[in-house]
Structures are given as C-alpha cells and as structure tokens.
Amino acid sequence: MTRVLIAFDLPAPHVARLKKDFPELIFAQATEQKETFDHLPQTEILLTFFRCSRKMLDAAPELKWIQAISAGVDYMDLAEIRRRGLLLTNGRGISTINMAEFAIGAMIALARGFHVMVRNQVQKRWDRSLPAGEIHGTTLGIIGLGAIGAELARKAAAMGMRVIGVRRTAAPMAYVEAVYGQEEMGRVFEQSDYIVNLLPWTPDTEKLIDRRSFDLMKPTACFINMGRGQTVNETDLIAALQQKKIRAMMSDVYKTEPLPADSPLWALDNVIISPHVCGMTPHYMDRAMEIIDHNLKAYVRGKGEMINAVDLSSGY
C-alpha cells in the first residue's frame, strides 16, 4: 500500500478525515525530526509545511510526490527534486483571500496615516494634521500577478483603484488595465501610487527590485512588500525611505527574519513593520485540505488533473 507521511502539525480532525476518505493509503504523521526520519524510508507521498531538506530527500528512496502546504517552495532543493524526477505541488491559492485583504488594509492604513496615529497615541499627542488620502482613484501596481495578485486586482478595482501590474509573461487579465512583462517593470513603478510586491524568491527575482525601481517611484508613492524579502535590495530600500524618495512602506517580509534589532527599518517613522504574518488565516488548513484532497484523488485514483504543480525550472 502507498504510504503518506504528514510532516507537519495537521490538526487531528483533518488527519482522521484523510484516513476515512482514503482507506487505500497508509498515513503516518510526524512533527519531530527523529520520528520523521523513521517514516521517510517507506514514504511515497510527503505532505509538508516548510520541511523538506536534502537530508530528508536522501532518506526517502521511495518518494514520488511532495505536496507542499505553502505557496512558496524556495526553502526546498528544487534542483535535486528535479534531478530525481519527483513531482512537486504547492499550496498556491490558500492565502489568496487573506493576503489580498492584507494589501488593501495596508494601502488604507498608509493613505490615512494610521502609522502616524499609533505613534502619536504612544506619545499621548493630539495631532490632527495627519495625511488624509484615499485609495479610490489612485493607481495600484502589482508586481507578481499570480493568484494573490489576481484577487487583489479584483478587490482594488471594486474600491475604485486603477490596477496595472507585472507578470512573467504579459497577457490580459481581468480587472487589470495594463499587464507588463518583467522587462517593462519600470513602467509600473513610474505610474503607481502604491506598489505591492508579491514576487516569489527565485534566482531570477533575487534583488530584482532595487535603487533603479525606487528612483522611478513618485515621492508620494508607497511600497508594500509581501512576497519574499530576498526579491528586494534592502539596502536600496532603506536608503529610499531615509531620503524620502518614497513616502512610506509597509513590509511583512525581510532579507533576514526575524528582522534584526539593529535594522534601520525599526526606527523609521515612515515604515510599518509586520512580522511575516500576511499569509496567516484561521481558514488556512481548511483550504489546504481542499488541495490535498483533490491531488490525492488525482494521484491515487486517477480522478481529474492534479493542481498547483510547480515548474521546477522557474521555482513556482
């Protein structure tokens, strides 16, 4: 029988449901390293959340398919997975709703100066000379028009924003007025009042957003970083904020996490820092189960096509 290893803390009701719905499979769950390695030699299917090292691959000679519960798979040795001919699927789409909401919230917070209000509250300062902008009628530039970007575009358009964006291959998208290829990314930075970065971290995207991008932005524009910290040249970003080349930023991701205590970002009054939480939602595992259930049926029973297959060449 095919053995499945759940290498993360999937809640017991979900594990029980999998065992009930797929009696032809043998499920094991392991959250500790020793227990994980005890099961890996017999594992054909690995369900994992940020756990898939080269050492784990070496310990799993029967492995054929890895189902990641995260959307990003940059923590995996993709070259080795490709060399071994393994199938890799991810959790793309799980965080679409909550991340799009996070981006909308960040833009509203920056438009209305909520970060200034909070600082004034801490200092018991009554100051009504705050920024009082609107996102309605402004231009949103989305860098990375994947599933999250598409949902953000829909929500932003409904709030009266003009939406433009970048995707690997330029093609028309609903709710997006203009879609540019990566080579034309500068045009999005030039036009936008808000930039939301949703890029995955790959060799092609590392430090892709740098001084050249920030120099193109309007001095009134804001930058919202929600993809991966490694896609931005953090030194250039800090300089742009310090020199007020851009108005403000909200960031959820950083080059080094946790963000070091000596990072200049902590002290900047035009920055809102969140600790890599934009992907969190109480509905995460319920949505993950939809993907797991669909792909298990396709893999084991041949019912439909598997979804969220990762292109091991591009990394997403």
Protein backbone atom coordinates (compact mmCIF):
# COMPACT_ATOMS: atom_id res chain seq x y z
CA MET A 1 0.00 0.00 0.00
CA THR A 2 1.06 3.58 -0.67
CA ARG A 3 2.43 5.32 2.41
CA VAL A 4 1.82 9.00 3.08
CA LEU A 5 3.81 10.99 5.62
CA ILE A 6 2.26 14.14 7.06
CA ALA A 7 5.37 16.00 8.22
CA PHE A 8 3.67 18.91 9.97
CA ASP A 9 1.09 19.55 12.68
CA LEU A 10 -2.08 18.92 10.70
CA PRO A 11 -4.98 19.00 13.20
CA ALA A 12 -6.32 15.61 14.26
CA PRO A 13 -9.78 16.02 12.66
CA HIS A 14 -8.15 16.61 9.27
CA VAL A 15 -5.89 13.56 9.70
CA ALA A 16 -8.91 11.45 10.66
CA ARG A 17 -10.77 12.70 7.59
CA LEU A 18 -7.89 11.71 5.29
CA LYS A 19 -7.74 8.22 6.80
CA LYS A 20 -11.50 7.82 6.35
CA ASP A 21 -11.62 9.19 2.79
CA PHE A 22 -8.55 7.31 1.55
CA PRO A 23 -8.62 3.82 3.13
CA GLU A 24 -6.29 2.55 0.41
CA LEU A 25 -3.47 4.72 1.80
CA ILE A 26 -1.39 4.29 4.95
CA PHE A 27 -1.00 7.61 6.74
CA ALA A 28 1.63 8.50 9.31
CA GLN A 29 2.17 11.85 11.00
CA ALA A 30 5.46 13.13 12.40
CA THR A 31 6.32 16.55 13.76
CA GLU A 32 9.65 15.69 15.38
CA GLN A 33 12.85 15.04 13.43
CA LYS A 34 13.58 11.51 14.66
CA GLU A 35 10.05 10.33 14.05
CA THR A 36 10.08 11.91 10.60
CA PHE A 37 13.26 10.07 9.60
CA ASP A 38 11.86 6.81 10.96
CA HIS A 39 9.00 7.04 8.44
CA LEU A 40 10.80 8.50 5.41
CA PRO A 41 12.32 5.25 4.01
CA GLN A 42 8.83 3.86 3.24
CA THR A 43 7.21 7.16 2.22
CA GLU A 44 5.88 7.61 -1.31
CA ILE A 45 3.90 10.83 -0.70
CA LEU A 46 5.16 13.62 1.56
CA LEU A 47 2.82 16.33 2.84
CA THR A 48 4.97 19.08 4.28
CA PHE A 49 4.96 22.63 5.57
CA PHE A 50 8.46 24.17 5.40
CA ARG A 51 10.18 20.80 5.99
CA CYS A 52 11.97 19.18 3.08
CA SER A 53 15.75 19.22 3.38
CA ARG A 54 18.27 17.44 1.17
CA LYS A 55 18.82 15.07 4.09
CA MET A 56 15.11 14.21 4.06
CA LEU A 57 15.21 13.53 0.33
CA ASP A 58 18.20 11.25 0.79
CA ALA A 59 16.29 9.30 3.46
CA ALA A 60 13.26 8.70 1.22
CA PRO A 61 14.19 6.40 -1.68
CA GLU A 62 10.53 5.54 -2.40
CA LEU A 63 9.42 9.18 -2.57
CA LYS A 64 7.50 10.15 -5.72
CA TRP A 65 5.40 13.19 -4.81
CA ILE A 66 5.81 16.14 -2.44
CA GLN A 67 2.74 18.22 -1.59
CA ALA A 68 3.87 21.48 -0.01
CA ILE A 69 1.27 23.27 2.08
CA SER A 70 2.97 26.61 1.48
CA ALA A 71 2.79 28.56 -1.78
CA GLY A 72 6.49 29.39 -1.72
CA VAL A 73 8.89 26.45 -2.15
CA ASP A 74 12.17 28.41 -2.11
CA TYR A 75 13.18 26.51 1.06
CA MET A 76 13.47 23.29 -0.96
CA ASP A 77 16.33 21.96 -3.07
CA LEU A 78 14.44 22.29 -6.34
CA ALA A 79 17.39 21.24 -8.48
CA GLU A 80 17.67 17.97 -6.58
CA ILE A 81 13.91 17.39 -6.70
CA ARG A 82 14.06 17.90 -10.45
CA ARG A 83 17.09 15.61 -10.83
CA ARG A 84 15.24 12.84 -9.02
CA GLY A 85 12.16 13.27 -11.21
CA LEU A 86 9.86 13.96 -8.26
CA LEU A 87 6.50 15.66 -8.59
CA LEU A 88 6.13 18.82 -6.50
CA THR A 89 2.83 20.58 -5.90
CA ASN A 90 2.30 23.58 -3.64
CA GLY A 91 -0.34 25.46 -1.67
CA ARG A 92 -0.93 28.21 -4.20
CA GLY A 93 -4.31 29.80 -3.57
CA ILE A 94 -4.60 29.01 0.14
CA SER A 95 -3.76 32.58 1.19
CA THR A 96 -5.33 34.39 -1.75
CA ILE A 97 -8.19 35.98 0.18
CA ASN A 98 -6.34 36.97 3.36
CA MET A 99 -3.26 38.30 1.58
CA ALA A 100 -5.36 40.41 -0.77
CA GLU A 101 -7.19 41.79 2.27
CA PHE A 102 -3.86 42.48 3.97
CA ALA A 103 -2.70 44.50 0.96
CA ILE A 104 -5.94 46.51 0.87
CA GLY A 105 -5.62 47.16 4.60
CA ALA A 106 -2.01 48.25 4.20
CA MET A 107 -2.91 50.74 1.48
CA ILE A 108 -5.75 52.21 3.52
CA ALA A 109 -3.53 52.42 6.60
CA LEU A 110 -0.85 54.30 4.67
CA ALA A 111 -3.39 56.55 2.93
CA ARG A 112 -4.99 57.57 6.23
CA GLY A 113 -1.77 57.72 8.23
CA PHE A 114 -2.67 55.03 10.77
CA HIS A 115 1.02 54.51 11.49
CA VAL A 116 1.31 58.17 12.47
CA MET A 117 -1.78 57.89 14.68
CA VAL A 118 -0.34 54.91 16.57
CA ARG A 119 2.94 56.74 17.20
CA ASN A 120 1.01 59.80 18.40
CA GLN A 121 -1.08 57.61 20.70
CA VAL A 122 2.01 56.17 22.34
CA GLN A 123 3.27 59.72 22.94
CA LYS A 124 -0.20 60.96 24.05
CA ARG A 125 -0.07 63.55 21.28
CA TRP A 126 -3.29 65.04 19.83
CA ASP A 127 -2.35 65.99 16.28
CA ARG A 128 -4.99 66.43 13.59
CA SER A 129 -2.51 67.42 10.87
CA LEU A 130 -2.38 63.88 9.52
CA PRO A 131 -2.34 62.60 5.95
CA ALA A 132 -5.92 62.04 4.89
CA GLY A 133 -5.71 60.42 1.48
CA GLU A 134 -7.92 57.93 -0.30
CA ILE A 135 -7.06 54.84 -2.30
CA HIS A 136 -10.04 55.49 -4.56
CA GLY A 137 -8.83 56.95 -7.83
CA THR A 138 -5.17 56.02 -7.26
CA THR A 139 -3.07 53.57 -9.27
CA LEU A 140 -2.05 50.23 -7.81
CA GLY A 141 0.93 48.43 -9.30
CA ILE A 142 1.09 44.70 -8.55
CA ILE A 143 4.47 43.06 -9.01
CA GLY A 144 3.63 39.39 -9.44
CA LEU A 145 0.18 38.84 -10.92
CA GLY A 146 -0.38 35.29 -9.72
CA ALA A 147 -3.40 34.00 -7.80
CA ILE A 148 -2.99 36.54 -4.98
CA GLY A 149 -2.34 39.36 -7.41
CA ALA A 150 -5.47 38.49 -9.38
CA GLU A 151 -7.62 38.58 -6.23
CA LEU A 152 -6.01 41.82 -5.11
CA ALA A 153 -6.73 43.34 -8.53
CA ARG A 154 -10.39 42.38 -8.24
CA LYS A 155 -10.73 43.88 -4.76
CA ALA A 156 -8.78 47.03 -5.62
CA ALA A 157 -10.81 47.65 -8.78
CA ALA A 158 -14.00 47.31 -6.74
CA MET A 159 -12.68 50.08 -4.48
CA GLY A 160 -12.15 52.41 -7.41
CA MET A 161 -8.44 51.89 -8.00
CA ARG A 162 -6.76 51.71 -11.39
CA VAL A 163 -4.75 48.48 -11.47
CA ILE A 164 -1.65 47.72 -13.51
CA GLY A 165 0.92 45.02 -12.95
CA VAL A 166 3.75 42.70 -13.90
CA ARG A 167 3.75 39.01 -14.65
CA ARG A 168 6.36 36.75 -16.18
CA THR A 169 4.50 36.65 -19.48
CA ALA A 170 2.38 39.68 -20.29
CA ALA A 171 -1.22 38.73 -21.08
CA PRO A 172 -4.59 40.40 -20.45
CA MET A 173 -6.13 39.85 -17.01
CA ALA A 174 -9.49 40.73 -15.56
CA TYR A 175 -9.53 43.96 -13.53
CA VAL A 176 -6.00 44.88 -14.69
CA GLU A 177 -5.81 47.79 -17.09
CA ALA A 178 -2.28 47.03 -18.29
CA VAL A 179 -0.13 43.93 -17.83
CA TYR A 180 3.62 44.28 -18.43
CA GLY A 181 6.34 41.68 -18.75
CA GLN A 182 9.22 41.67 -16.27
CA GLU A 183 11.43 43.61 -18.68
CA GLU A 184 8.94 46.51 -18.51
CA MET A 185 8.58 46.52 -14.73
CA GLY A 186 9.88 50.10 -14.54
CA ARG A 187 6.73 51.36 -16.23
CA VAL A 188 4.67 50.07 -13.31
CA PHE A 189 6.92 51.77 -10.75
CA GLU A 190 6.66 55.05 -12.65
CA GLN A 191 2.87 55.13 -12.76
CA SER A 192 1.83 53.69 -9.41
CA ASP A 193 0.75 55.37 -6.19
CA TYR A 194 1.01 52.03 -4.38
CA ILE A 195 3.32 49.16 -5.29
CA VAL A 196 2.53 45.73 -3.87
CA ASN A 197 5.36 43.22 -4.28
CA LEU A 198 4.16 39.60 -4.42
CA LEU A 199 7.17 38.05 -6.16
CA PRO A 200 8.44 34.60 -5.21
CA TRP A 201 12.14 34.22 -4.47
CA THR A 202 13.97 32.60 -7.38
CA PRO A 203 17.39 33.19 -8.99
CA ASP A 204 15.62 35.47 -11.49
CA THR A 205 13.92 37.61 -8.84
CA GLU A 206 16.68 37.96 -6.24
CA LYS A 207 17.19 41.71 -5.56
CA LEU A 208 15.15 42.42 -8.69
CA ILE A 209 13.61 45.47 -7.02
CA ASP A 210 16.44 47.90 -6.27
CA ARG A 211 17.50 51.53 -6.43
CA ARG A 212 16.51 51.77 -10.09
CA SER A 213 12.94 50.85 -9.18
CA PHE A 214 12.72 53.21 -6.21
CA ASP A 215 14.18 56.07 -8.25
CA LEU A 216 11.28 55.69 -10.68
CA MET A 217 8.60 55.95 -8.00
CA LYS A 218 6.69 59.12 -7.23
CA PRO A 219 7.81 60.80 -3.98
CA THR A 220 4.19 60.43 -2.81
CA ALA A 221 4.08 56.70 -3.57
CA CYS A 222 4.14 53.82 -1.07
CA PHE A 223 5.75 50.39 -1.23
CA ILE A 224 4.15 47.28 0.28
CA ASN A 225 6.35 44.18 0.48
CA MET A 226 4.53 40.85 0.84
CA GLY A 227 6.38 38.43 -1.45
CA ARG A 228 9.84 37.45 -0.29
CA GLY A 229 12.37 39.77 1.33
CA GLN A 230 15.15 38.48 -0.94
CA THR A 231 13.42 39.93 -4.01
CA VAL A 232 14.26 43.45 -2.80
CA ASN A 233 17.66 45.06 -2.35
CA GLU A 234 17.08 46.03 1.28
CA THR A 235 19.98 48.48 1.40
CA ASP A 236 18.49 50.41 -1.53
CA LEU A 237 15.04 50.26 0.04
CA ILE A 238 16.26 51.69 3.34
CA ALA A 239 18.07 54.49 1.51
CA ALA A 240 14.92 55.37 -0.45
CA LEU A 241 12.91 55.58 2.78
CA GLN A 242 15.56 57.54 4.68
CA GLN A 243 15.94 60.04 1.84
CA LYS A 244 12.14 60.30 1.42
CA LYS A 245 12.38 59.28 -2.23
CA ILE A 246 9.12 57.45 -1.50
CA ARG A 247 6.52 58.43 1.09
CA ALA A 248 6.16 55.28 3.15
CA MET A 249 6.29 51.50 3.30
CA MET A 250 4.58 48.58 4.95
CA SER A 251 6.65 45.41 4.92
CA ASP A 252 5.82 41.88 6.06
CA VAL A 253 8.95 40.17 4.70
CA TYR A 254 12.67 40.88 5.01
CA LYS A 255 16.06 39.69 3.84
CA THR A 256 16.74 38.27 7.32
CA GLU A 257 13.92 37.04 9.55
CA PRO A 258 13.29 37.80 12.33
CA LEU A 259 14.23 41.35 11.36
CA PRO A 260 17.48 42.09 13.28
CA ALA A 261 17.22 44.54 16.16
CA ASP A 262 19.87 46.74 14.55
CA SER A 263 17.97 47.14 11.27
CA PRO A 264 17.39 50.83 10.46
CA LEU A 265 13.83 49.93 9.45
CA TRP A 266 12.74 49.75 13.09
CA ALA A 267 13.46 53.43 13.68
CA LEU A 268 11.98 54.94 10.51
CA ASP A 269 8.77 56.88 11.09
CA ASN A 270 7.51 56.20 7.55
CA VAL A 271 7.58 52.42 7.95
CA ILE A 272 5.06 49.90 9.26
CA ILE A 273 6.64 46.57 10.20
CA SER A 274 4.70 43.33 10.43
CA PRO A 275 6.38 40.01 11.35
CA HIS A 276 5.68 37.83 8.27
CA VAL A 277 2.05 37.25 9.15
CA CYS A 278 0.19 38.31 5.98
CA GLY A 279 -0.28 34.68 4.94
CA MET A 280 -1.92 33.66 8.22
CA THR A 281 -5.63 32.92 8.36
CA PRO A 282 -7.82 30.76 10.61
CA HIS A 283 -9.04 29.08 7.41
CA TYR A 284 -5.55 28.02 6.26
CA MET A 285 -5.81 24.30 6.96
CA ASP A 286 -9.37 24.03 5.66
CA ARG A 287 -8.22 25.49 2.34
CA ALA A 288 -5.09 23.35 2.35
CA MET A 289 -7.27 20.26 2.76
CA GLU A 290 -9.15 21.13 -0.44
CA ILE A 291 -5.87 20.99 -2.37
CA ILE A 292 -4.65 17.85 -0.59
CA ASP A 293 -7.96 16.06 -1.17
CA HIS A 294 -8.09 16.98 -4.85
CA ASN A 295 -4.50 15.96 -5.54
CA LEU A 296 -4.70 12.70 -3.60
CA LYS A 297 -7.76 11.69 -5.65
CA ALA A 298 -5.95 12.55 -8.87
CA TYR A 299 -2.73 10.78 -7.86
CA VAL A 300 -4.19 7.62 -6.34
CA ARG A 301 -7.49 7.20 -8.15
CA GLY A 302 -6.86 8.99 -11.42
CA LYS A 303 -9.77 11.38 -10.88
CA GLY A 304 -9.04 14.67 -12.66
CA GLU A 305 -5.78 16.57 -13.05
CA MET A 306 -3.52 17.47 -10.14
CA ILE A 307 -3.44 21.19 -9.36
CA ASN A 308 -0.62 23.53 -8.35
CA ALA A 309 2.21 21.62 -9.99
CA VAL A 310 5.43 23.58 -9.51
CA ASP A 311 7.58 24.37 -12.53
CA LEU A 312 10.92 23.20 -11.16
CA SER A 313 12.79 25.34 -13.69
CA SER A 314 11.18 28.63 -12.65
CA GLY A 315 10.70 27.75 -8.98
CA TYR A 316 6.95 28.38 -8.73
